[in-house]
Amino acid sequence: MNIGIASERSGLPSKTIRYYEDIGLVRPDRTDNGYRDYSVADIHELRFLQRARSLGFSVDECRQLLSLYQDRNRESADVKAIAEAKLAEIDRKIAELASLRRLLSHLVEHCQGDDRPDCPIIDELAREGTAH
């Protein structure tokens, strides 16, 4: 099937599919005239990649997961390790965002928001030193 049909069936834009091919994530066959020819297996891999990306896995992590998906002798421990690392990264980002939210909330609460020039938000943004 051509890239338009592959896009429709996988839920990925054609541009993304071409990118995945350019970086070697998918390798569709080529017809005699050079057109891409996607198989049902290619569509499954594209859907797999789409779901993995929607869960926040990076392209490199997707490459590892796809390799494990294709390996019938894989160990689920390898898959779990990748997912656990992603989960730890998400937890770290959540904690970082919560800290940023607390700081910004504090600054907003202490800004008078009136016609005076004094503003703790501007003061914090202009402050030199370590970032929060």
N, C-alpha and C. Protein backbone atom coordinates (compact mmCIF):
# COMPACT_ATOMS: atom_id res chain seq x y z
N MET A 1 0.85 -1.19 0.00
CA MET A 1 0.00 0.00 0.00
C MET A 1 0.88 1.24 0.00
N ASN A 2 0.37 2.31 -0.54
CA ASN A 2 1.18 3.53 -0.64
C ASN A 2 1.17 4.29 0.68
N ILE A 3 1.93 5.36 0.75
CA ILE A 3 2.10 6.10 2.00
C ILE A 3 0.80 6.77 2.46
N GLY A 4 -0.06 7.17 1.53
CA GLY A 4 -1.33 7.77 1.89
C GLY A 4 -2.22 6.79 2.64
N ILE A 5 -2.29 5.58 2.16
CA ILE A 5 -3.08 4.55 2.82
C ILE A 5 -2.42 4.16 4.14
N ALA A 6 -1.10 4.05 4.14
CA ALA A 6 -0.37 3.74 5.38
C ALA A 6 -0.63 4.81 6.43
N SER A 7 -0.67 6.05 6.00
CA SER A 7 -0.96 7.16 6.91
C SER A 7 -2.36 7.02 7.49
N GLU A 8 -3.30 6.75 6.63
CA GLU A 8 -4.69 6.59 7.05
C GLU A 8 -4.85 5.44 8.05
N ARG A 9 -4.22 4.32 7.77
CA ARG A 9 -4.38 3.13 8.61
C ARG A 9 -3.58 3.19 9.90
N SER A 10 -2.49 3.93 9.88
CA SER A 10 -1.65 4.00 11.09
C SER A 10 -2.02 5.17 11.98
N GLY A 11 -2.69 6.17 11.42
CA GLY A 11 -3.01 7.37 12.19
C GLY A 11 -1.87 8.35 12.28
N LEU A 12 -0.84 8.14 11.48
CA LEU A 12 0.31 9.04 11.47
C LEU A 12 0.33 9.86 10.18
N PRO A 13 0.75 11.11 10.25
CA PRO A 13 0.88 11.90 9.02
C PRO A 13 1.96 11.30 8.12
N SER A 14 1.79 11.49 6.83
CA SER A 14 2.78 11.00 5.86
C SER A 14 4.17 11.54 6.16
N LYS A 15 4.24 12.81 6.57
CA LYS A 15 5.53 13.42 6.89
C LYS A 15 6.24 12.67 8.02
N THR A 16 5.48 12.25 9.02
CA THR A 16 6.06 11.49 10.15
C THR A 16 6.54 10.13 9.66
N ILE A 17 5.76 9.49 8.82
CA ILE A 17 6.15 8.19 8.29
C ILE A 17 7.45 8.31 7.49
N ARG A 18 7.54 9.35 6.67
CA ARG A 18 8.78 9.57 5.91
C ARG A 18 9.96 9.81 6.85
N TYR A 19 9.73 10.57 7.90
CA TYR A 19 10.79 10.82 8.88
C TYR A 19 11.23 9.51 9.53
N TYR A 20 10.26 8.68 9.94
CA TYR A 20 10.61 7.40 10.55
C TYR A 20 11.40 6.53 9.58
N GLU A 21 11.10 6.63 8.30
CA GLU A 21 11.87 5.89 7.31
C GLU A 21 13.28 6.48 7.19
N ASP A 22 13.38 7.81 7.15
CA ASP A 22 14.68 8.47 7.02
C ASP A 22 15.63 8.10 8.16
N ILE A 23 15.09 7.93 9.36
CA ILE A 23 15.95 7.60 10.50
C ILE A 23 16.04 6.10 10.75
N GLY A 24 15.43 5.31 9.88
CA GLY A 24 15.58 3.86 9.94
C GLY A 24 14.65 3.14 10.90
N LEU A 25 13.61 3.81 11.38
CA LEU A 25 12.67 3.12 12.27
C LEU A 25 11.79 2.13 11.49
N VAL A 26 11.38 2.51 10.31
CA VAL A 26 10.61 1.62 9.45
C VAL A 26 11.32 1.52 8.11
N ARG A 27 11.17 0.37 7.48
CA ARG A 27 11.83 0.13 6.19
C ARG A 27 10.85 -0.53 5.23
N PRO A 28 9.99 0.28 4.63
CA PRO A 28 9.04 -0.32 3.68
C PRO A 28 9.76 -0.82 2.43
N ASP A 29 9.14 -1.78 1.79
CA ASP A 29 9.67 -2.24 0.51
C ASP A 29 9.49 -1.12 -0.51
N ARG A 30 10.19 -1.24 -1.62
CA ARG A 30 10.05 -0.29 -2.73
C ARG A 30 9.59 -1.06 -3.97
N THR A 31 8.69 -0.44 -4.69
CA THR A 31 8.26 -1.04 -5.95
C THR A 31 9.35 -0.83 -6.99
N ASP A 32 9.18 -1.43 -8.15
CA ASP A 32 10.18 -1.30 -9.23
C ASP A 32 10.40 0.15 -9.63
N ASN A 33 9.36 0.97 -9.51
CA ASN A 33 9.51 2.38 -9.88
C ASN A 33 9.92 3.26 -8.70
N GLY A 34 10.26 2.63 -7.56
CA GLY A 34 10.80 3.37 -6.42
C GLY A 34 9.80 3.85 -5.39
N TYR A 35 8.52 3.58 -5.60
CA TYR A 35 7.52 4.00 -4.63
C TYR A 35 7.56 3.12 -3.39
N ARG A 36 7.25 3.73 -2.26
CA ARG A 36 7.17 2.98 -1.01
C ARG A 36 5.99 2.02 -1.09
N ASP A 37 6.18 0.83 -0.54
CA ASP A 37 5.11 -0.17 -0.51
C ASP A 37 5.02 -0.73 0.91
N TYR A 38 4.04 -0.23 1.66
CA TYR A 38 3.89 -0.60 3.06
C TYR A 38 3.07 -1.88 3.20
N SER A 39 3.56 -2.77 4.05
CA SER A 39 2.87 -4.03 4.31
C SER A 39 2.00 -3.89 5.56
N VAL A 40 1.22 -4.90 5.83
CA VAL A 40 0.41 -4.92 7.05
C VAL A 40 1.34 -4.88 8.27
N ALA A 41 2.46 -5.57 8.20
CA ALA A 41 3.43 -5.55 9.32
C ALA A 41 3.97 -4.14 9.54
N ASP A 42 4.22 -3.41 8.45
CA ASP A 42 4.68 -2.02 8.57
C ASP A 42 3.63 -1.17 9.29
N ILE A 43 2.37 -1.38 8.96
CA ILE A 43 1.29 -0.64 9.60
C ILE A 43 1.25 -0.93 11.10
N HIS A 44 1.42 -2.19 11.47
CA HIS A 44 1.46 -2.55 12.89
C HIS A 44 2.62 -1.84 13.60
N GLU A 45 3.76 -1.80 12.93
CA GLU A 45 4.92 -1.11 13.53
C GLU A 45 4.66 0.39 13.65
N LEU A 46 4.04 0.98 12.65
CA LEU A 46 3.73 2.41 12.71
C LEU A 46 2.73 2.71 13.83
N ARG A 47 1.74 1.86 14.00
CA ARG A 47 0.79 2.04 15.11
C ARG A 47 1.50 1.89 16.45
N PHE A 48 2.39 0.91 16.51
CA PHE A 48 3.18 0.68 17.72
C PHE A 48 3.98 1.95 18.06
N LEU A 49 4.63 2.51 17.05
CA LEU A 49 5.42 3.73 17.25
C LEU A 49 4.53 4.90 17.66
N GLN A 50 3.37 5.01 17.05
CA GLN A 50 2.45 6.09 17.38
C GLN A 50 2.03 5.99 18.85
N ARG A 51 1.71 4.78 19.30
CA ARG A 51 1.31 4.60 20.71
C ARG A 51 2.48 4.86 21.65
N ALA A 52 3.66 4.40 21.29
CA ALA A 52 4.83 4.62 22.13
C ALA A 52 5.14 6.11 22.25
N ARG A 53 5.07 6.82 21.13
CA ARG A 53 5.32 8.26 21.17
C ARG A 53 4.25 8.98 21.99
N SER A 54 3.00 8.52 21.91
CA SER A 54 1.93 9.16 22.68
C SER A 54 2.12 8.96 24.18
N LEU A 55 2.87 7.94 24.57
CA LEU A 55 3.19 7.72 25.98
C LEU A 55 4.45 8.48 26.41
N GLY A 56 5.03 9.22 25.48
CA GLY A 56 6.16 10.06 25.82
C GLY A 56 7.53 9.47 25.55
N PHE A 57 7.58 8.29 24.95
CA PHE A 57 8.87 7.69 24.67
C PHE A 57 9.57 8.48 23.56
N SER A 58 10.86 8.69 23.72
CA SER A 58 11.66 9.39 22.72
C SER A 58 11.84 8.51 21.50
N VAL A 59 12.37 9.08 20.44
CA VAL A 59 12.63 8.30 19.23
C VAL A 59 13.61 7.17 19.53
N ASP A 60 14.65 7.47 20.30
CA ASP A 60 15.62 6.42 20.63
C ASP A 60 14.99 5.32 21.48
N GLU A 61 14.14 5.70 22.42
CA GLU A 61 13.43 4.70 23.22
C GLU A 61 12.49 3.88 22.34
N CYS A 62 11.84 4.55 21.40
CA CYS A 62 10.97 3.84 20.45
C CYS A 62 11.77 2.85 19.62
N ARG A 63 12.97 3.23 19.25
CA ARG A 63 13.84 2.33 18.49
C ARG A 63 14.12 1.06 19.31
N GLN A 64 14.42 1.25 20.60
CA GLN A 64 14.68 0.10 21.47
C GLN A 64 13.42 -0.75 21.64
N LEU A 65 12.29 -0.08 21.88
CA LEU A 65 11.04 -0.82 22.07
C LEU A 65 10.63 -1.56 20.81
N LEU A 66 10.81 -0.93 19.66
CA LEU A 66 10.46 -1.58 18.40
C LEU A 66 11.35 -2.80 18.17
N SER A 67 12.61 -2.67 18.51
CA SER A 67 13.52 -3.80 18.38
C SER A 67 13.06 -4.95 19.28
N LEU A 68 12.64 -4.62 20.48
CA LEU A 68 12.14 -5.66 21.39
C LEU A 68 10.81 -6.24 20.89
N TYR A 69 9.97 -5.39 20.33
CA TYR A 69 8.69 -5.84 19.76
C TYR A 69 8.93 -6.86 18.65
N GLN A 70 9.97 -6.61 17.86
CA GLN A 70 10.28 -7.50 16.73
C GLN A 70 11.01 -8.76 17.16
N ASP A 71 11.58 -8.76 18.35
CA ASP A 71 12.37 -9.89 18.86
C ASP A 71 11.47 -10.84 19.65
N ARG A 72 11.15 -11.97 19.05
CA ARG A 72 10.28 -12.94 19.72
C ARG A 72 10.98 -13.62 20.91
N ASN A 73 12.29 -13.46 21.02
CA ASN A 73 13.04 -14.03 22.14
C ASN A 73 13.36 -12.99 23.20
N ARG A 74 12.67 -11.84 23.14
CA ARG A 74 12.93 -10.75 24.08
C ARG A 74 12.60 -11.21 25.50
N GLU A 75 13.17 -10.48 26.43
CA GLU A 75 12.82 -10.67 27.84
C GLU A 75 11.99 -9.48 28.26
N SER A 76 10.86 -9.75 28.88
CA SER A 76 9.98 -8.65 29.29
C SER A 76 10.68 -7.72 30.27
N ALA A 77 11.71 -8.22 30.95
CA ALA A 77 12.47 -7.38 31.89
C ALA A 77 13.12 -6.21 31.15
N ASP A 78 13.54 -6.45 29.91
CA ASP A 78 14.14 -5.38 29.12
C ASP A 78 13.12 -4.30 28.78
N VAL A 79 11.92 -4.72 28.45
CA VAL A 79 10.85 -3.78 28.14
C VAL A 79 10.47 -3.01 29.40
N LYS A 80 10.34 -3.73 30.49
CA LYS A 80 9.96 -3.11 31.76
C LYS A 80 11.00 -2.08 32.20
N ALA A 81 12.27 -2.36 31.99
CA ALA A 81 13.33 -1.43 32.38
C ALA A 81 13.20 -0.11 31.62
N ILE A 82 12.88 -0.18 30.34
CA ILE A 82 12.70 1.04 29.55
C ILE A 82 11.49 1.82 30.07
N ALA A 83 10.40 1.11 30.34
CA ALA A 83 9.19 1.77 30.83
C ALA A 83 9.41 2.35 32.23
N GLU A 84 10.13 1.65 33.08
CA GLU A 84 10.42 2.18 34.42
C GLU A 84 11.27 3.43 34.35
N ALA A 85 12.24 3.45 33.47
CA ALA A 85 13.08 4.64 33.30
C ALA A 85 12.24 5.82 32.83
N LYS A 86 11.31 5.57 31.90
CA LYS A 86 10.43 6.63 31.41
C LYS A 86 9.53 7.12 32.53
N LEU A 87 9.02 6.22 33.34
CA LEU A 87 8.17 6.58 34.46
C LEU A 87 8.93 7.44 35.47
N ALA A 88 10.17 7.10 35.75
CA ALA A 88 10.99 7.90 36.66
C ALA A 88 11.23 9.29 36.09
N GLU A 89 11.44 9.37 34.77
CA GLU A 89 11.62 10.67 34.12
C GLU A 89 10.35 11.51 34.22
N ILE A 90 9.21 10.89 34.02
CA ILE A 90 7.93 11.60 34.14
C ILE A 90 7.73 12.10 35.56
N ASP A 91 8.02 11.25 36.55
CA ASP A 91 7.89 11.66 37.96
C ASP A 91 8.80 12.84 38.28
N ARG A 92 10.03 12.82 37.73
CA ARG A 92 10.96 13.91 37.95
C ARG A 92 10.41 15.21 37.34
N LYS A 93 9.87 15.10 36.14
CA LYS A 93 9.31 16.28 35.48
C LYS A 93 8.09 16.82 36.24
N ILE A 94 7.27 15.92 36.77
CA ILE A 94 6.11 16.34 37.55
C ILE A 94 6.56 17.09 38.79
N ALA A 95 7.58 16.58 39.47
CA ALA A 95 8.09 17.25 40.68
C ALA A 95 8.67 18.61 40.32
N GLU A 96 9.37 18.69 39.22
CA GLU A 96 9.95 19.96 38.77
C GLU A 96 8.84 20.96 38.45
N LEU A 97 7.81 20.51 37.75
CA LEU A 97 6.69 21.39 37.42
C LEU A 97 5.94 21.83 38.67
N ALA A 98 5.78 20.94 39.64
CA ALA A 98 5.10 21.29 40.88
C ALA A 98 5.90 22.38 41.62
N SER A 99 7.21 22.25 41.62
CA SER A 99 8.07 23.26 42.25
C SER A 99 7.94 24.60 41.53
N LEU A 100 7.96 24.57 40.22
CA LEU A 100 7.80 25.80 39.44
C LEU A 100 6.43 26.43 39.69
N ARG A 101 5.43 25.59 39.81
CA ARG A 101 4.08 26.10 40.07
C ARG A 101 4.00 26.79 41.42
N ARG A 102 4.61 26.16 42.43
CA ARG A 102 4.61 26.77 43.77
C ARG A 102 5.28 28.13 43.75
N LEU A 103 6.44 28.22 43.10
CA LEU A 103 7.17 29.48 43.03
C LEU A 103 6.36 30.55 42.30
N LEU A 104 5.84 30.20 41.14
CA LEU A 104 5.08 31.18 40.37
C LEU A 104 3.80 31.58 41.10
N SER A 105 3.16 30.63 41.74
CA SER A 105 1.96 30.94 42.51
C SER A 105 2.28 31.92 43.65
N HIS A 106 3.40 31.68 44.32
CA HIS A 106 3.84 32.57 45.40
C HIS A 106 4.08 33.99 44.87
N LEU A 107 4.75 34.07 43.71
CA LEU A 107 5.03 35.38 43.12
C LEU A 107 3.74 36.10 42.72
N VAL A 108 2.83 35.39 42.13
CA VAL A 108 1.55 35.98 41.72
C VAL A 108 0.78 36.47 42.94
N GLU A 109 0.78 35.66 44.00
CA GLU A 109 0.06 36.06 45.22
C GLU A 109 0.63 37.33 45.84
N HIS A 110 1.94 37.53 45.68
CA HIS A 110 2.59 38.68 46.31
C HIS A 110 2.74 39.89 45.40
N CYS A 111 2.26 39.78 44.18
CA CYS A 111 2.27 40.93 43.27
C CYS A 111 0.96 41.68 43.46
N GLN A 112 1.06 42.97 43.71
CA GLN A 112 -0.14 43.78 43.94
C GLN A 112 -0.98 43.92 42.68
N GLY A 113 -0.35 43.88 41.54
CA GLY A 113 -1.09 43.99 40.29
C GLY A 113 -1.79 45.33 40.15
N ASP A 114 -1.15 46.37 40.66
CA ASP A 114 -1.77 47.70 40.60
C ASP A 114 -0.96 48.62 39.69
N ASP A 115 -1.11 49.91 39.88
CA ASP A 115 -0.43 50.86 38.99
C ASP A 115 0.98 51.24 39.46
N ARG A 116 1.45 50.60 40.53
CA ARG A 116 2.80 50.87 41.02
C ARG A 116 3.80 49.99 40.26
N PRO A 117 5.06 50.44 40.17
CA PRO A 117 6.05 49.67 39.42
C PRO A 117 6.62 48.46 40.19
N ASP A 118 6.46 48.42 41.51
CA ASP A 118 7.01 47.31 42.29
C ASP A 118 6.31 46.00 41.91
N CYS A 119 7.11 45.00 41.59
CA CYS A 119 6.52 43.73 41.17
C CYS A 119 7.48 42.59 41.50
N PRO A 120 7.10 41.68 42.41
CA PRO A 120 7.98 40.56 42.76
C PRO A 120 8.22 39.59 41.59
N ILE A 121 7.33 39.57 40.65
CA ILE A 121 7.52 38.68 39.49
C ILE A 121 8.71 39.19 38.66
N ILE A 122 8.70 40.49 38.38
CA ILE A 122 9.81 41.10 37.63
C ILE A 122 11.10 40.98 38.43
N ASP A 123 11.02 41.22 39.74
CA ASP A 123 12.22 41.11 40.59
C ASP A 123 12.81 39.71 40.51
N GLU A 124 11.98 38.68 40.56
CA GLU A 124 12.47 37.30 40.49
C GLU A 124 13.08 37.00 39.12
N LEU A 125 12.44 37.47 38.06
CA LEU A 125 12.96 37.22 36.72
C LEU A 125 14.29 37.93 36.50
N ALA A 126 14.48 39.09 37.14
CA ALA A 126 15.71 39.87 36.97
C ALA A 126 16.80 39.46 37.93
N ARG A 127 16.47 38.62 38.89
CA ARG A 127 17.41 38.20 39.92
C ARG A 127 18.55 37.38 39.32
N GLU A 128 19.76 37.69 39.76
CA GLU A 128 20.91 36.91 39.31
C GLU A 128 21.14 35.79 40.30
N GLY A 129 21.75 34.74 39.82
CA GLY A 129 22.04 33.62 40.70
C GLY A 129 21.42 32.35 40.13
N THR A 130 21.22 31.37 40.99
CA THR A 130 20.74 30.06 40.55
C THR A 130 19.26 30.14 40.19
N ALA A 131 18.93 29.38 39.20
CA ALA A 131 17.53 29.26 38.79
C ALA A 131 16.80 28.31 39.72
N HIS A 132 15.51 28.51 39.85
CA HIS A 132 14.72 27.62 40.73
C HIS A 132 14.31 26.42 39.98
